[in-house]
PDB file of all heavy atoms in Angstrom:
ATOM      1  N   VAL A   1    -238.923 -18.518 -53.383  1.00  0.00           N
ATOM      2  CA  VAL A   1    -239.622 -17.279 -53.022  1.00  0.00           C
ATOM      3  C   VAL A   1    -239.007 -16.133 -53.812  1.00  0.00           C
ATOM      4  O   VAL A   1    -237.794 -15.922 -53.775  1.00  0.00           O
ATOM      5  CB  VAL A   1    -239.499 -16.978 -51.513  1.00  0.00           C
ATOM      6  CG1 VAL A   1    -240.151 -15.641 -51.192  1.00  0.00           C
ATOM      7  CG2 VAL A   1    -240.129 -18.086 -50.695  1.00  0.00           C
ATOM      8  N   ALA A   2    -239.856 -15.395 -54.534  1.00  0.00           N
ATOM      9  CA  ALA A   2    -239.424 -14.184 -55.239  1.00  0.00           C
ATOM     10  C   ALA A   2    -240.110 -12.995 -54.568  1.00  0.00           C
ATOM     11  O   ALA A   2    -241.329 -12.872 -54.612  1.00  0.00           O
ATOM     12  CB  ALA A   2    -239.787 -14.260 -56.714  1.00  0.00           C
ATOM     13  N   ASP A   3    -239.331 -12.145 -53.931  1.00  0.00           N
ATOM     14  CA  ASP A   3    -239.837 -10.986 -53.199  1.00  0.00           C
ATOM     15  C   ASP A   3    -239.811  -9.775 -54.129  1.00  0.00           C
ATOM     16  O   ASP A   3    -238.758  -9.191 -54.380  1.00  0.00           O
ATOM     17  CB  ASP A   3    -238.952 -10.753 -51.969  1.00  0.00           C
ATOM     18  CG  ASP A   3    -239.406  -9.589 -51.106  1.00  0.00           C
ATOM     19  OD1 ASP A   3    -240.215  -8.766 -51.581  1.00  0.00           O
ATOM     20  OD2 ASP A   3    -238.931  -9.488 -49.960  1.00  0.00           O
ATOM     21  N   TYR A   4    -240.979  -9.385 -54.623  1.00  0.00           N
ATOM     22  CA  TYR A   4    -241.083  -8.270 -55.557  1.00  0.00           C
ATOM     23  C   TYR A   4    -241.376  -6.956 -54.839  1.00  0.00           C
ATOM     24  O   TYR A   4    -242.045  -6.088 -55.377  1.00  0.00           O
ATOM     25  CB  TYR A   4    -242.172  -8.554 -56.594  1.00  0.00           C
ATOM     26  CG  TYR A   4    -241.734  -9.482 -57.697  1.00  0.00           C
ATOM     27  CD1 TYR A   4    -241.911 -10.853 -57.577  1.00  0.00           C
ATOM     28  CD2 TYR A   4    -241.121  -8.998 -58.843  1.00  0.00           C
ATOM     29  CE1 TYR A   4    -241.508 -11.721 -58.585  1.00  0.00           C
ATOM     30  CE2 TYR A   4    -240.708  -9.857 -59.860  1.00  0.00           C
ATOM     31  CZ  TYR A   4    -240.901 -11.209 -59.722  1.00  0.00           C
ATOM     32  OH  TYR A   4    -240.488 -12.067 -60.722  1.00  0.00           O
ATOM     33  N   GLY A   5    -240.861  -6.810 -53.642  1.00  0.00           N
ATOM     34  CA  GLY A   5    -241.020  -5.563 -52.907  1.00  0.00           C
ATOM     35  C   GLY A   5    -240.063  -4.503 -53.428  1.00  0.00           C
ATOM     36  O   GLY A   5    -239.993  -4.247 -54.633  1.00  0.00           O
ATOM     37  N   PRO A   6    -239.271  -3.898 -52.566  1.00  0.00           N
ATOM     38  CA  PRO A   6    -238.341  -2.853 -53.010  1.00  0.00           C
ATOM     39  C   PRO A   6    -237.202  -3.452 -53.822  1.00  0.00           C
ATOM     40  O   PRO A   6    -236.992  -4.672 -53.821  1.00  0.00           O
ATOM     41  CB  PRO A   6    -237.830  -2.273 -51.690  1.00  0.00           C
ATOM     42  CG  PRO A   6    -237.932  -3.409 -50.720  1.00  0.00           C
ATOM     43  CD  PRO A   6    -239.186  -4.145 -51.112  1.00  0.00           C
ATOM     44  N   PRO A   7    -236.435  -2.614 -54.526  1.00  0.00           N
ATOM     45  CA  PRO A   7    -235.240  -3.133 -55.211  1.00  0.00           C
ATOM     46  C   PRO A   7    -234.340  -3.852 -54.216  1.00  0.00           C
ATOM     47  O   PRO A   7    -234.081  -3.358 -53.117  1.00  0.00           O
ATOM     48  CB  PRO A   7    -234.577  -1.870 -55.757  1.00  0.00           C
ATOM     49  CG  PRO A   7    -235.686  -0.881 -55.885  1.00  0.00           C
ATOM     50  CD  PRO A   7    -236.610  -1.169 -54.737  1.00  0.00           C
ATOM     51  N   GLY A   8    -233.876  -5.029 -54.609  1.00  0.00           N
ATOM     52  CA  GLY A   8    -233.076  -5.830 -53.688  1.00  0.00           C
ATOM     53  C   GLY A   8    -231.591  -5.645 -53.827  1.00  0.00           C
ATOM     54  O   GLY A   8    -230.838  -5.992 -52.918  1.00  0.00           O
ATOM     55  N   PHE A   9    -231.142  -5.083 -54.959  1.00  0.00           N
ATOM     56  CA  PHE A   9    -229.703  -4.997 -55.180  1.00  0.00           C
ATOM     57  C   PHE A   9    -229.358  -3.818 -56.070  1.00  0.00           C
ATOM     58  O   PHE A   9    -230.190  -3.292 -56.818  1.00  0.00           O
ATOM     59  CB  PHE A   9    -229.170  -6.289 -55.815  1.00  0.00           C
ATOM     60  CG  PHE A   9    -229.734  -6.566 -57.195  1.00  0.00           C
ATOM     61  CD1 PHE A   9    -229.136  -6.060 -58.333  1.00  0.00           C
ATOM     62  CD2 PHE A   9    -230.872  -7.350 -57.342  1.00  0.00           C
ATOM     63  CE1 PHE A   9    -229.648  -6.312 -59.602  1.00  0.00           C
ATOM     64  CE2 PHE A   9    -231.399  -7.612 -58.611  1.00  0.00           C
ATOM     65  CZ  PHE A   9    -230.792  -7.096 -59.732  1.00  0.00           C
ATOM     66  N   PHE A  10    -228.114  -3.417 -55.965  1.00  0.00           N
ATOM     67  CA  PHE A  10    -227.509  -2.439 -56.873  1.00  0.00           C
ATOM     68  C   PHE A  10    -226.195  -3.049 -57.338  1.00  0.00           C
ATOM     69  O   PHE A  10    -225.356  -3.444 -56.511  1.00  0.00           O
ATOM     70  CB  PHE A  10    -227.265  -1.109 -56.171  1.00  0.00           C
ATOM     71  CG  PHE A  10    -226.505  -0.113 -57.007  1.00  0.00           C
ATOM     72  CD1 PHE A  10    -227.066   0.437 -58.141  1.00  0.00           C
ATOM     73  CD2 PHE A  10    -225.218   0.281 -56.660  1.00  0.00           C
ATOM     74  CE1 PHE A  10    -226.375   1.363 -58.926  1.00  0.00           C
ATOM     75  CE2 PHE A  10    -224.515   1.201 -57.414  1.00  0.00           C
ATOM     76  CZ  PHE A  10    -225.104   1.735 -58.558  1.00  0.00           C
ATOM     77  N   ALA A  11    -226.034  -3.168 -58.643  1.00  0.00           N
ATOM     78  CA  ALA A  11    -224.848  -3.801 -59.208  1.00  0.00           C
ATOM     79  C   ALA A  11    -224.107  -2.839 -60.112  1.00  0.00           C
ATOM     80  O   ALA A  11    -224.718  -2.004 -60.781  1.00  0.00           O
ATOM     81  CB  ALA A  11    -225.250  -5.048 -59.998  1.00  0.00           C
ATOM     82  N   VAL A  12    -222.803  -2.975 -60.125  1.00  0.00           N
ATOM     83  CA  VAL A  12    -221.942  -2.161 -60.984  1.00  0.00           C
ATOM     84  C   VAL A  12    -221.302  -3.066 -62.022  1.00  0.00           C
ATOM     85  O   VAL A  12    -220.839  -4.174 -61.717  1.00  0.00           O
ATOM     86  CB  VAL A  12    -220.853  -1.452 -60.144  1.00  0.00           C
ATOM     87  CG1 VAL A  12    -219.788  -0.866 -61.038  1.00  0.00           C
ATOM     88  CG2 VAL A  12    -221.468  -0.376 -59.271  1.00  0.00           C
ATOM     89  N   LYS A  13    -221.276  -2.619 -63.264  1.00  0.00           N
ATOM     90  CA  LYS A  13    -220.632  -3.356 -64.339  1.00  0.00           C
ATOM     91  C   LYS A  13    -219.523  -2.491 -64.935  1.00  0.00           C
ATOM     92  O   LYS A  13    -219.758  -1.327 -65.273  1.00  0.00           O
ATOM     93  CB  LYS A  13    -221.629  -3.723 -65.443  1.00  0.00           C
ATOM     94  CG  LYS A  13    -222.819  -4.538 -64.961  1.00  0.00           C
ATOM     95  CD  LYS A  13    -222.412  -5.920 -64.503  1.00  0.00           C
ATOM     96  CE  LYS A  13    -223.619  -6.750 -64.116  1.00  0.00           C
ATOM     97  NZ  LYS A  13    -223.214  -8.090 -63.603  1.00  0.00           N
ATOM     98  N   MET A  14    -218.338  -3.080 -65.057  1.00  0.00           N
ATOM     99  CA  MET A  14    -217.194  -2.367 -65.615  1.00  0.00           C
ATOM    100  C   MET A  14    -216.604  -3.153 -66.780  1.00  0.00           C
ATOM    101  O   MET A  14    -216.952  -4.316 -66.999  1.00  0.00           O
ATOM    102  CB  MET A  14    -216.147  -2.141 -64.526  1.00  0.00           C
ATOM    103  CG  MET A  14    -216.607  -1.171 -63.432  1.00  0.00           C
ATOM    104  SD  MET A  14    -215.433  -1.015 -62.047  1.00  0.00           S
ATOM    105  CE  MET A  14    -215.923  -2.403 -61.006  1.00  0.00           C
ATOM    106  N   THR A  15    -215.703  -2.536 -67.507  1.00  0.00           N
ATOM    107  CA  THR A  15    -215.114  -3.169 -68.681  1.00  0.00           C
ATOM    108  C   THR A  15    -214.429  -4.478 -68.336  1.00  0.00           C
ATOM    109  O   THR A  15    -214.421  -5.412 -69.135  1.00  0.00           O
ATOM    110  CB  THR A  15    -214.122  -2.203 -69.354  1.00  0.00           C
ATOM    111  OG1 THR A  15    -214.845  -1.053 -69.820  1.00  0.00           O
ATOM    112  CG2 THR A  15    -213.420  -2.854 -70.533  1.00  0.00           C
ATOM    113  N   ASP A  16    -213.840  -4.585 -67.143  1.00  0.00           N
ATOM    114  CA  ASP A  16    -213.112  -5.797 -66.787  1.00  0.00           C
ATOM    115  C   ASP A  16    -214.008  -6.925 -66.285  1.00  0.00           C
ATOM    116  O   ASP A  16    -213.526  -7.918 -65.753  1.00  0.00           O
ATOM    117  CB  ASP A  16    -212.024  -5.487 -65.747  1.00  0.00           C
ATOM    118  CG  ASP A  16    -212.560  -4.785 -64.504  1.00  0.00           C
ATOM    119  OD1 ASP A  16    -213.729  -4.998 -64.139  1.00  0.00           O
ATOM    120  OD2 ASP A  16    -211.798  -4.003 -63.901  1.00  0.00           O
ATOM    121  N   HIS A  17    -215.335  -6.791 -66.444  1.00  0.00           N
ATOM    122  CA  HIS A  17    -216.239  -7.876 -66.082  1.00  0.00           C
ATOM    123  C   HIS A  17    -216.151  -9.011 -67.082  1.00  0.00           C
ATOM    124  O   HIS A  17    -215.961  -8.806 -68.280  1.00  0.00           O
ATOM    125  CB  HIS A  17    -217.697  -7.373 -66.038  1.00  0.00           C
ATOM    126  CG  HIS A  17    -218.111  -6.927 -64.677  1.00  0.00           C
ATOM    127  ND1 HIS A  17    -218.938  -7.663 -63.874  1.00  0.00           N
ATOM    128  CD2 HIS A  17    -217.802  -5.814 -63.969  1.00  0.00           C
ATOM    129  CE1 HIS A  17    -219.134  -7.032 -62.728  1.00  0.00           C
ATOM    130  NE2 HIS A  17    -218.454  -5.907 -62.766  1.00  0.00           N
ATOM    131  N   ASP A  18    -216.330 -10.225 -66.576  1.00  0.00           N
ATOM    132  CA  ASP A  18    -216.370 -11.403 -67.435  1.00  0.00           C
ATOM    133  C   ASP A  18    -217.841 -11.717 -67.767  1.00  0.00           C
ATOM    134  O   ASP A  18    -218.363 -12.771 -67.447  1.00  0.00           O
ATOM    135  CB  ASP A  18    -215.721 -12.588 -66.728  1.00  0.00           C
ATOM    136  CG  ASP A  18    -215.643 -13.820 -67.610  1.00  0.00           C
ATOM    137  OD1 ASP A  18    -215.151 -13.697 -68.737  1.00  0.00           O
ATOM    138  OD2 ASP A  18    -216.098 -14.890 -67.167  1.00  0.00           O
ATOM    139  N   SER A  19    -218.504 -10.753 -68.374  1.00  0.00           N
ATOM    140  CA  SER A  19    -219.912 -10.928 -68.740  1.00  0.00           C
ATOM    141  C   SER A  19    -220.208 -10.056 -69.950  1.00  0.00           C
ATOM    142  O   SER A  19    -219.467  -9.119 -70.251  1.00  0.00           O
ATOM    143  CB  SER A  19    -220.834 -10.549 -67.573  1.00  0.00           C
ATOM    144  OG  SER A  19    -220.630  -9.216 -67.175  1.00  0.00           O
ATOM    145  N   ALA A  20    -221.303 -10.386 -70.608  1.00  0.00           N
ATOM    146  CA  ALA A  20    -221.677  -9.626 -71.805  1.00  0.00           C
ATOM    147  C   ALA A  20    -221.926  -8.168 -71.448  1.00  0.00           C
ATOM    148  O   ALA A  20    -222.564  -7.856 -70.436  1.00  0.00           O
ATOM    149  CB  ALA A  20    -222.915 -10.240 -72.436  1.00  0.00           C
ATOM    150  N   GLN A  21    -221.419  -7.270 -72.273  1.00  0.00           N
ATOM    151  CA  GLN A  21    -221.592  -5.845 -72.025  1.00  0.00           C
ATOM    152  C   GLN A  21    -223.040  -5.441 -72.289  1.00  0.00           C
ATOM    153  O   GLN A  21    -223.642  -5.830 -73.287  1.00  0.00           O
ATOM    154  CB  GLN A  21    -220.642  -5.042 -72.917  1.00  0.00           C
ATOM    155  CG  GLN A  21    -220.682  -3.551 -72.659  1.00  0.00           C
ATOM    156  CD  GLN A  21    -219.496  -2.841 -73.287  1.00  0.00           C
ATOM    157  OE1 GLN A  21    -218.352  -3.282 -73.141  1.00  0.00           O
ATOM    158  NE2 GLN A  21    -219.743  -1.743 -73.989  1.00  0.00           N
ATOM    159  N   ILE A  22    -223.606  -4.667 -71.375  1.00  0.00           N
ATOM    160  CA  ILE A  22    -224.962  -4.155 -71.541  1.00  0.00           C
ATOM    161  C   ILE A  22    -224.927  -3.056 -72.591  1.00  0.00           C
ATOM    162  O   ILE A  22    -224.087  -2.157 -72.537  1.00  0.00           O
ATOM    163  CB  ILE A  22    -225.511  -3.613 -70.200  1.00  0.00           C
ATOM    164  CG1 ILE A  22    -225.503  -4.726 -69.151  1.00  0.00           C
ATOM    165  CG2 ILE A  22    -226.916  -3.047 -70.380  1.00  0.00           C
ATOM    166  CD1 ILE A  22    -225.772  -4.222 -67.737  1.00  0.00           C
ATOM    167  N   THR A  23    -225.829  -3.114 -73.533  1.00  0.00           N
ATOM    168  CA  THR A  23    -225.809  -2.151 -74.629  1.00  0.00           C
ATOM    169  C   THR A  23    -226.372  -0.809 -74.196  1.00  0.00           C
ATOM    170  O   THR A  23    -227.100  -0.701 -73.217  1.00  0.00           O
ATOM    171  CB  THR A  23    -226.615  -2.674 -75.826  1.00  0.00           C
ATOM    172  OG1 THR A  23    -227.963  -2.934 -75.404  1.00  0.00           O
ATOM    173  CG2 THR A  23    -226.011  -3.963 -76.349  1.00  0.00           C
ATOM    174  N   ALA A  24    -226.043   0.223 -74.956  1.00  0.00           N
ATOM    175  CA  ALA A  24    -226.413   1.584 -74.596  1.00  0.00           C
ATOM    176  C   ALA A  24    -227.920   1.794 -74.553  1.00  0.00           C
ATOM    177  O   ALA A  24    -228.414   2.658 -73.822  1.00  0.00           O
ATOM    178  CB  ALA A  24    -225.790   2.579 -75.583  1.00  0.00           C
ATOM    179  N   ASP A  25    -228.689   1.005 -75.307  1.00  0.00           N
ATOM    180  CA  ASP A  25    -230.146   1.167 -75.310  1.00  0.00           C
ATOM    181  C   ASP A  25    -230.826   0.324 -74.236  1.00  0.00           C
ATOM    182  O   ASP A  25    -232.038   0.209 -74.201  1.00  0.00           O
ATOM    183  CB  ASP A  25    -230.738   0.827 -76.681  1.00  0.00           C
ATOM    184  CG  ASP A  25    -230.485  -0.629 -77.073  1.00  0.00           C
ATOM    185  OD1 ASP A  25    -229.806  -1.343 -76.306  1.00  0.00           O
ATOM    186  OD2 ASP A  25    -230.970  -1.046 -78.136  1.00  0.00           O
ATOM    187  N   GLY A  26    -230.037  -0.237 -73.346  1.00  0.00           N
ATOM    188  CA  GLY A  26    -230.597  -1.051 -72.274  1.00  0.00           C
ATOM    189  C   GLY A  26    -230.429  -2.518 -72.565  1.00  0.00           C
ATOM    190  O   GLY A  26    -229.870  -3.250 -71.779  1.00  0.00           O
ATOM    191  N   GLY A  27    -230.921  -2.967 -73.687  1.00  0.00           N
ATOM    192  CA  GLY A  27    -230.716  -4.346 -74.099  1.00  0.00           C
ATOM    193  C   GLY A  27    -231.383  -5.353 -73.187  1.00  0.00           C
ATOM    194  O   GLY A  27    -231.321  -5.251 -71.975  1.00  0.00           O
ATOM    195  N   GLY A  28    -232.088  -6.307 -73.718  1.00  0.00           N
ATOM    196  CA  GLY A  28    -232.674  -7.369 -72.912  1.00  0.00           C
ATOM    197  C   GLY A  28    -233.598  -6.837 -71.836  1.00  0.00           C
ATOM    198  O   GLY A  28    -234.512  -6.057 -72.097  1.00  0.00           O
TER     199      GLY A  28
END
């Protein structure tokens, strides 16, 4: 089930994340 109602989450990304950095133009 994919619920496309309101936004479901708010996430924070910081330099110490173990994930690809989101680019300044938004990216992907």
